[in-house]
C-alpha atoms as a PDB file:
ATOM      1  CA  MET A   1      76.654 112.709  75.974  1.00  0.00           C
ATOM      2  CA  VAL A   2      79.047 111.255  73.560  1.00  0.00           C
ATOM      3  CA  ARG A   3      82.105 109.597  73.346  1.00  0.00           C
ATOM      4  CA  PHE A   4      85.158 110.645  71.509  1.00  0.00           C
ATOM      5  CA  ALA A   5      88.592 109.704  69.657  1.00  0.00           C
ATOM      6  CA  PHE A   6      91.564 111.256  70.646  1.00  0.00           C
ATOM      7  CA  ALA A   7      93.224 112.459  67.480  1.00  0.00           C
ATOM      8  CA  LEU A   8      96.594 111.232  66.299  1.00  0.00           C
ATOM      9  CA  PHE A   9      99.149 114.302  65.547  1.00  0.00           C
ATOM     10  CA  ALA A  10     101.782 113.916  62.838  1.00  0.00           C
ATOM     11  CA  LEU A  11     105.098 114.594  63.144  1.00  0.00           C
ATOM     12  CA  SER A  12     106.359 117.124  61.306  1.00  0.00           C
ATOM     13  CA  ALA A  13     109.366 116.581  59.110  1.00  0.00           C
ATOM     14  CA  ALA A  14     110.549 119.839  59.221  1.00  0.00           C
ATOM     15  CA  GLY A  15     114.176 120.041  61.067  1.00  0.00           C
ATOM     16  CA  CYS A  16     114.395 116.580  61.811  1.00  0.00           C
ATOM     17  CA  ALA A  17     114.714 112.711  60.208  1.00  0.00           C
ATOM     18  CA  VAL A  18     111.707 110.695  60.078  1.00  0.00           C
ATOM     19  CA  ASP A  19     112.451 106.927  59.964  1.00  0.00           C
ATOM     20  CA  ALA A  20     111.358 105.074  56.659  1.00  0.00           C
ATOM     21  CA  ALA A  21     109.252 102.872  58.983  1.00  0.00           C
ATOM     22  CA  GLY A  22     106.887 104.786  59.662  1.00  0.00           C
ATOM     23  CA  PRO A  23     103.690 102.935  57.780  1.00  0.00           C
ATOM     24  CA  GLU A  24     104.660 100.284  59.478  1.00  0.00           C
ATOM     25  CA  LEU A  25     104.747 101.552  63.061  1.00  0.00           C
ATOM     26  CA  ALA A  26     101.286 103.001  61.981  1.00  0.00           C
ATOM     27  CA  LEU A  27      99.792  99.566  60.945  1.00  0.00           C
ATOM     28  CA  ASP A  28     101.046  98.343  64.896  1.00  0.00           C
ATOM     29  CA  ALA A  29      99.687 101.252  66.854  1.00  0.00           C
ATOM     30  CA  PRO A  30      97.429 100.433  69.345  1.00  0.00           C
ATOM     31  CA  PRO A  31      93.220 101.242  68.737  1.00  0.00           C
ATOM     32  CA  LEU A  32      92.306 104.664  69.380  1.00  0.00           C
ATOM     33  CA  SER A  33      91.402 105.050  72.964  1.00  0.00           C
ATOM     34  CA  GLU A  34      87.865 106.836  74.064  1.00  0.00           C
ATOM     35  CA  SER A  35      87.028 108.461  77.128  1.00  0.00           C
ATOM     36  CA  TRP A  36      84.053 110.173  79.296  1.00  0.00           C
ATOM     37  CA  THR A  37      84.130 113.589  81.101  1.00  0.00           C
ATOM     38  CA  VAL A  38      81.905 114.486  83.534  1.00  0.00           C
ATOM     39  CA  SER A  39      80.327 117.923  83.452  1.00  0.00           C
ATOM     40  CA  THR A  40      81.679 120.979  86.241  1.00  0.00           C
ATOM     41  CA  SER A  41      77.999 121.838  86.303  1.00  0.00           C
ATOM     42  CA  ALA A  42      75.294 120.465  88.634  1.00  0.00           C
ATOM     43  CA  SER A  43      71.591 120.254  88.265  1.00  0.00           C
ATOM     44  CA  VAL A  44      68.982 118.865  91.044  1.00  0.00           C
ATOM     45  CA  ALA A  45      65.629 117.692  91.207  1.00  0.00           C
ATOM     46  CA  VAL A  46      63.673 118.266  94.393  1.00  0.00           C
ATOM     47  CA  TRP A  47      61.105 117.044  96.441  1.00  0.00           C
ATOM     48  CA  ASP A  48      60.028 119.312  99.487  1.00  0.00           C
ATOM     49  CA  SER A  49      57.423 118.509 102.141  1.00  0.00           C
ATOM     50  CA  GLY A  50      56.775 122.304 102.648  1.00  0.00           C
ATOM     51  CA  LEU A  51      57.491 122.175 106.400  1.00  0.00           C
ATOM     52  CA  ASN A  52      59.978 124.080 107.811  1.00  0.00           C
ATOM     53  CA  GLY A  53      60.086 123.661 111.242  1.00  0.00           C
ATOM     54  CA  TYR A  54      62.455 121.807 113.307  1.00  0.00           C
ATOM     55  CA  LEU A  55      64.661 121.397 110.098  1.00  0.00           C
ATOM     56  CA  SER A  56      68.291 120.333 110.556  1.00  0.00           C
ATOM     57  CA  SER A  57      70.823 122.318 107.789  1.00  0.00           C
ATOM     58  CA  TRP A  58      71.539 121.055 104.705  1.00  0.00           C
ATOM     59  CA  MET A  59      73.302 117.422 104.953  1.00  0.00           C
ATOM     60  CA  ASN A  60      74.821 115.564 101.959  1.00  0.00           C
ATOM     61  CA  VAL A  61      76.744 113.620 100.051  1.00  0.00           C
ATOM     62  CA  HIS A  62      78.656 114.960  96.921  1.00  0.00           C
ATOM     63  CA  CYS A  63      80.389 112.246  95.546  1.00  0.00           C
ATOM     64  CA  ASN A  64      82.549 113.844  92.771  1.00  0.00           C
ATOM     65  CA  LEU A  65      83.100 116.924  94.831  1.00  0.00           C
ATOM     66  CA  ASP A  66      83.939 114.707  97.655  1.00  0.00           C
ATOM     67  CA  TYR A  67      85.933 112.257  96.458  1.00  0.00           C
ATOM     68  CA  GLY A  68      86.636 113.109  92.290  1.00  0.00           C
ATOM     69  CA  ASP A  69      85.463 113.241  89.094  1.00  0.00           C
ATOM     70  CA  GLY A  70      84.432 109.468  88.396  1.00  0.00           C
ATOM     71  CA  TYR A  71      82.432 109.091  91.452  1.00  0.00           C
ATOM     72  CA  MET A  72      78.796 108.583  91.371  1.00  0.00           C
ATOM     73  CA  LEU A  73      76.141 107.990  93.784  1.00  0.00           C
ATOM     74  CA  THR A  74      75.621 104.154  93.233  1.00  0.00           C
ATOM     75  CA  GLY A  75      73.955 103.040  96.528  1.00  0.00           C
ATOM     76  CA  ILE A  76      71.804 104.263  99.720  1.00  0.00           C
ATOM     77  CA  ASN A  77      71.873 102.154 102.967  1.00  0.00           C
ATOM     78  CA  VAL A  78      68.887 103.123 104.991  1.00  0.00           C
ATOM     79  CA  ASN A  79      67.938 102.390 108.438  1.00  0.00           C
ATOM     80  CA  GLN A  80      64.035 102.195 109.645  1.00  0.00           C
ATOM     81  CA  GLU A  81      62.617 104.402 112.487  1.00  0.00           C
ATOM     82  CA  ASP A  82      62.760 103.350 115.874  1.00  0.00           C
ATOM     83  CA  LEU A  83      60.173 100.645 117.365  1.00  0.00           C
ATOM     84  CA  GLY A  84      58.338 103.244 119.467  1.00  0.00           C
ATOM     85  CA  ALA A  85      57.579 105.205 116.874  1.00  0.00           C
ATOM     86  CA  SER A  86      54.387 105.224 114.925  1.00  0.00           C
ATOM     87  CA  ASP A  87      54.957 106.331 111.564  1.00  0.00           C
ATOM     88  CA  ASN A  88      57.015 104.416 108.946  1.00  0.00           C
ATOM     89  CA  PHE A  89      60.238 105.836 107.697  1.00  0.00           C
ATOM     90  CA  ILE A  90      63.592 106.544 106.943  1.00  0.00           C
ATOM     91  CA  ALA A  91      65.464 107.015 110.276  1.00  0.00           C
ATOM     92  CA  ARG A  92      69.426 106.841 108.965  1.00  0.00           C
ATOM     93  CA  MET A  93      70.469 107.424 105.128  1.00  0.00           C
ATOM     94  CA  ALA A  94      74.285 106.957 104.287  1.00  0.00           C
ATOM     95  CA  GLY A  95      75.131 107.181 100.476  1.00  0.00           C
ATOM     96  CA  GLU A  96      77.479 104.851  98.413  1.00  0.00           C
ATOM     97  CA  CYS A  97      80.306 106.302  96.090  1.00  0.00           C
ATOM     98  CA  TRP A  98      81.600 104.088  93.346  1.00  0.00           C
ATOM     99  CA  GLU A  99      84.425 105.522  91.128  1.00  0.00           C
ATOM    100  CA  PHE A 100      84.075 105.197  87.504  1.00  0.00           C
ATOM    101  CA  ASP A 101      87.114 104.626  84.859  1.00  0.00           C
ATOM    102  CA  LEU A 102      86.109 107.677  82.623  1.00  0.00           C
ATOM    103  CA  THR A 103      89.241 106.829  80.554  1.00  0.00           C
ATOM    104  CA  ASP A 104      87.497 103.627  79.141  1.00  0.00           C
ATOM    105  CA  SER A 105      84.791 103.820  77.032  1.00  0.00           C
ATOM    106  CA  THR A 106      83.084 100.743  78.458  1.00  0.00           C
ATOM    107  CA  LEU A 107      83.236 103.049  81.634  1.00  0.00           C
ATOM    108  CA  PRO A 108      83.262 100.178  84.119  1.00  0.00           C
ATOM    109  CA  LYS A 109      83.698 100.696  87.770  1.00  0.00           C
ATOM    110  CA  THR A 110      87.336 100.769  89.145  1.00  0.00           C
ATOM    111  CA  ASN A 111      88.232  99.464  92.798  1.00  0.00           C
ATOM    112  CA  ALA A 112      87.785 102.620  94.682  1.00  0.00           C
ATOM    113  CA  PHE A 113      84.894 103.447  97.371  1.00  0.00           C
ATOM    114  CA  GLU A 114      83.893 105.443  99.533  1.00  0.00           C
ATOM    115  CA  GLY A 115      80.831 105.567 101.870  1.00  0.00           C
ATOM    116  CA  LYS A 116      79.238 108.212 103.977  1.00  0.00           C
ATOM    117  CA  VAL A 117      76.348 108.646 106.492  1.00  0.00           C
ATOM    118  CA  ILE A 118      74.103 111.751 105.301  1.00  0.00           C
ATOM    119  CA  PHE A 119      71.638 111.214 108.221  1.00  0.00           C
ATOM    120  CA  GLU A 120      70.457 109.619 111.383  1.00  0.00           C
ATOM    121  CA  ALA A 121      67.801 110.516 113.827  1.00  0.00           C
ATOM    122  CA  ASP A 122      68.153 110.319 117.566  1.00  0.00           C
ATOM    123  CA  LEU A 123      67.144 106.424 117.421  1.00  0.00           C
ATOM    124  CA  PHE A 124      66.750 103.864 114.841  1.00  0.00           C
ATOM    125  CA  ARG A 125      67.006 100.103 114.119  1.00  0.00           C
ATOM    126  CA  THR A 126      70.111  98.732 113.734  1.00  0.00           C
ATOM    127  CA  GLY A 127      69.430  96.658 110.547  1.00  0.00           C
ATOM    128  CA  VAL A 128      70.491  98.191 107.593  1.00  0.00           C
ATOM    129  CA  PHE A 129      68.893  97.835 104.288  1.00  0.00           C
ATOM    130  CA  GLN A 130      71.251  98.306 101.104  1.00  0.00           C
ATOM    131  CA  LEU A 131      70.464  99.712  97.681  1.00  0.00           C
ATOM    132  CA  GLU A 132      73.200  99.535  95.149  1.00  0.00           C
ATOM    133  CA  VAL A 133      72.918  99.657  90.834  1.00  0.00           C
ATOM    134  CA  PRO A 134      74.293  96.536  89.191  1.00  0.00           C
ATOM    135  CA  ASP A 135      77.802  96.853  87.636  1.00  0.00           C
ATOM    136  CA  TYR A 136      77.718  98.195  84.242  1.00  0.00           C
ATOM    137  CA  THR A 137      74.925 100.700  85.118  1.00  0.00           C
ATOM    138  CA  TYR A 138      75.006 104.283  86.326  1.00  0.00           C
ATOM    139  CA  PRO A 139      72.329 106.043  88.553  1.00  0.00           C
ATOM    140  CA  ILE A 140      70.118 108.254  86.936  1.00  0.00           C
ATOM    141  CA  GLY A 141      67.742 109.319  89.782  1.00  0.00           C
ATOM    142  CA  LEU A 142      65.492 108.035  93.066  1.00  0.00           C
ATOM    143  CA  ASP A 143      61.739 107.151  93.564  1.00  0.00           C
ATOM    144  CA  LEU A 144      60.519 108.294  97.043  1.00  0.00           C
ATOM    145  CA  GLN A 145      57.302 106.851  98.872  1.00  0.00           C
ATOM    146  CA  VAL A 146      56.168 109.462 100.897  1.00  0.00           C
ATOM    147  CA  SER A 147      53.268 109.554 103.635  1.00  0.00           C
ATOM    148  CA  GLY A 148      49.955 110.067 102.732  1.00  0.00           C
ATOM    149  CA  ASN A 149      49.777 113.837 103.777  1.00  0.00           C
ATOM    150  CA  GLY A 150      53.558 114.658 101.717  1.00  0.00           C
ATOM    151  CA  ASN A 151      54.676 115.148 104.767  1.00  0.00           C
ATOM    152  CA  PHE A 152      57.753 113.073 104.749  1.00  0.00           C
ATOM    153  CA  VAL A 153      60.052 110.234 103.192  1.00  0.00           C
ATOM    154  CA  LYS A 154      59.221 106.626 103.763  1.00  0.00           C
ATOM    155  CA  ASP A 155      61.028 104.702 101.274  1.00  0.00           C
ATOM    156  CA  VAL A 156      63.565 104.449  98.738  1.00  0.00           C
ATOM    157  CA  ARG A 157      64.644 102.756  95.290  1.00  0.00           C
ATOM    158  CA  ILE A 158      67.368 104.004  92.827  1.00  0.00           C
ATOM    159  CA  ALA A 159      66.821 104.362  89.374  1.00  0.00           C
ATOM    160  CA  TYR A 160      69.466 103.262  87.170  1.00  0.00           C
ATOM    161  CA  ALA A 161      70.128 102.585  83.142  1.00  0.00           C
ATOM    162  CA  PRO A 162      73.099 100.978  81.438  1.00  0.00           C
ATOM    163  CA  LEU A 163      75.035 102.382  78.027  1.00  0.00           C
ATOM    164  CA  ASN A 164      73.891 102.016  74.346  1.00  0.00           C
ATOM    165  CA  GLY A 165      74.978  99.268  72.205  1.00  0.00           C
ATOM    166  CA  ASN A 166      77.884 101.436  71.125  1.00  0.00           C
ATOM    167  CA  ASP A 167      79.183 102.713  74.155  1.00  0.00           C
ATOM    168  CA  THR A 168      78.240 106.072  73.075  1.00  0.00           C
ATOM    169  CA  ALA A 169      75.317 107.089  75.793  1.00  0.00           C
ATOM    170  CA  LEU A 170      72.796 106.329  78.204  1.00  0.00           C
ATOM    171  CA  ASP A 171      70.100 104.115  76.699  1.00  0.00           C
ATOM    172  CA  LEU A 172      67.078 105.421  78.874  1.00  0.00           C
ATOM    173  CA  ASN A 173      64.500 103.493  77.389  1.00  0.00           C
ATOM    174  CA  SER A 174      66.282 100.426  79.593  1.00  0.00           C
ATOM    175  CA  GLU A 175      65.865 102.292  82.846  1.00  0.00           C
ATOM    176  CA  SER A 176      65.538  99.891  85.737  1.00  0.00           C
ATOM    177  CA  TRP A 177      65.264 100.174  89.836  1.00  0.00           C
ATOM    178  CA  THR A 178      66.338  98.824  92.502  1.00  0.00           C
ATOM    179  CA  ASN A 179      63.885  97.002  94.974  1.00  0.00           C
ATOM    180  CA  TRP A 180      62.308  99.717  97.622  1.00  0.00           C
ATOM    181  CA  ALA A 181      64.820  99.378 100.377  1.00  0.00           C
ATOM    182  CA  LEU A 182      62.238  99.014 103.205  1.00  0.00           C
ATOM    183  CA  GLY A 183      59.226  98.312 101.349  1.00  0.00           C
ATOM    184  CA  TYR A 184      57.072 100.967 103.079  1.00  0.00           C
ATOM    185  CA  GLY A 185      54.487 101.868 100.905  1.00  0.00           C
ATOM    186  CA  GLY A 186      53.067 105.553 100.239  1.00  0.00           C
ATOM    187  CA  ASP A 187      52.387 107.994  97.411  1.00  0.00           C
ATOM    188  CA  LYS A 188      55.234 107.562  95.182  1.00  0.00           C
ATOM    189  CA  HIS A 189      57.283 110.852  93.756  1.00  0.00           C
ATOM    190  CA  SER A 190      60.010 110.458  91.296  1.00  0.00           C
ATOM    191  CA  LEU A 191      62.934 112.461  90.946  1.00  0.00           C
ATOM    192  CA  ARG A 192      65.306 112.201  87.706  1.00  0.00           C
ATOM    193  CA  CYS A 193      68.495 113.346  86.276  1.00  0.00           C
ATOM    194  CA  PRO A 194      68.456 115.013  83.044  1.00  0.00           C
ATOM    195  CA  GLU A 195      68.628 113.217  79.907  1.00  0.00           C
ATOM    196  CA  GLN A 196      72.396 111.851  79.520  1.00  0.00           C
ATOM    197  CA  SER A 197      73.061 112.861  83.079  1.00  0.00           C
ATOM    198  CA  VAL A 198      73.893 110.922  86.355  1.00  0.00           C
ATOM    199  CA  MET A 199      73.320 111.284  90.041  1.00  0.00           C
ATOM    200  CA  THR A 200      76.569 112.342  91.577  1.00  0.00           C
ATOM    201  CA  GLY A 201      74.845 113.074  95.043  1.00  0.00           C
ATOM    202  CA  LEU A 202      71.923 114.244  97.018  1.00  0.00           C
ATOM    203  CA  ALA A 203      71.454 116.584 100.214  1.00  0.00           C
ATOM    204  CA  LEU A 204      68.616 116.642 102.783  1.00  0.00           C
ATOM    205  CA  ARG A 205      67.170 117.984 105.577  1.00  0.00           C
ATOM    206  CA  TYR A 206      65.462 116.387 107.748  1.00  0.00           C
ATOM    207  CA  ASP A 207      62.762 117.299 111.367  1.00  0.00           C
ATOM    208  CA  ILE A 208      65.684 117.228 114.478  1.00  0.00           C
ATOM    209  CA  ASP A 209      62.493 116.242 116.667  1.00  0.00           C
ATOM    210  CA  ALA A 210      60.638 113.504 114.722  1.00  0.00           C
ATOM    211  CA  GLY A 211      63.564 112.235 113.056  1.00  0.00           C
ATOM    212  CA  LYS A 212      61.750 112.259 109.742  1.00  0.00           C
ATOM    213  CA  ILE A 213      62.893 113.686 106.244  1.00  0.00           C
ATOM    214  CA  ARG A 214      61.302 116.753 105.077  1.00  0.00           C
ATOM    215  CA  THR A 215      63.173 118.008 102.040  1.00  0.00           C
ATOM    216  CA  LEU A 216      65.402 115.648  99.621  1.00  0.00           C
ATOM    217  CA  LYS A 217      67.057 116.341  96.154  1.00  0.00           C
ATOM    218  CA  ILE A 218      69.495 114.619  94.125  1.00  0.00           C
ATOM    219  CA  HIS A 219      72.576 116.321  92.522  1.00  0.00           C
ATOM    220  CA  CYS A 220      73.222 115.410  88.573  1.00  0.00           C
ATOM    221  CA  ARG A 221      76.050 115.933  86.165  1.00  0.00           C
ATOM    222  CA  GLU A 222      76.117 115.281  82.500  1.00  0.00           C
ATOM    223  CA  LEU A 223      78.480 112.785  80.908  1.00  0.00           C
ATOM    224  CA  GLN A 224      80.058 114.203  77.872  1.00  0.00           C
ATOM    225  CA  PRO A 225      83.362 114.825  75.655  1.00  0.00           C
END
């Protein structure tokens, strides 16, 4: 991911008058602006239980496709299984999409936000557990806690990274994580975006009868000039 400076174009003197104050104007000109763009091609990382019975269609949130180029998947909200269930698992999930100002080299958030429910089981507890990456950091993947037999997702947290000191790339050596949403233990499985890419969405399929996530994949897009 590289930031770039817009080129300054010289005015041609052919056929037009040029103000002699040109040098002074150049001294007073604002600094070159720098910006980011988001790739139009996506990559995915997948966790799959291998269980295919009674699955829903793909349920998803695609922040940049649904809402605009500057949107990333910066937050996830989940609900626990119903009190009557015998297993601990995520029974409802919603995504939070925040817009970032791609025209600013420091890549700050704007005030634009969108939320979308990705899936919900027939029964779940009402209390919502929220995950959100800090300001001036960018989502780069998910960690999952899955059941010991690898059949369903029990918990989730978001991995994120800041920009480097020059605001020219993600500082992947400074990767950090949100807390786990529910605190459920399991076998950890990590999904990461390719280097210098950010997470812009996710998709999942869940068991319609059991209400458990059986397959989950993240969608990533590169930040580039």
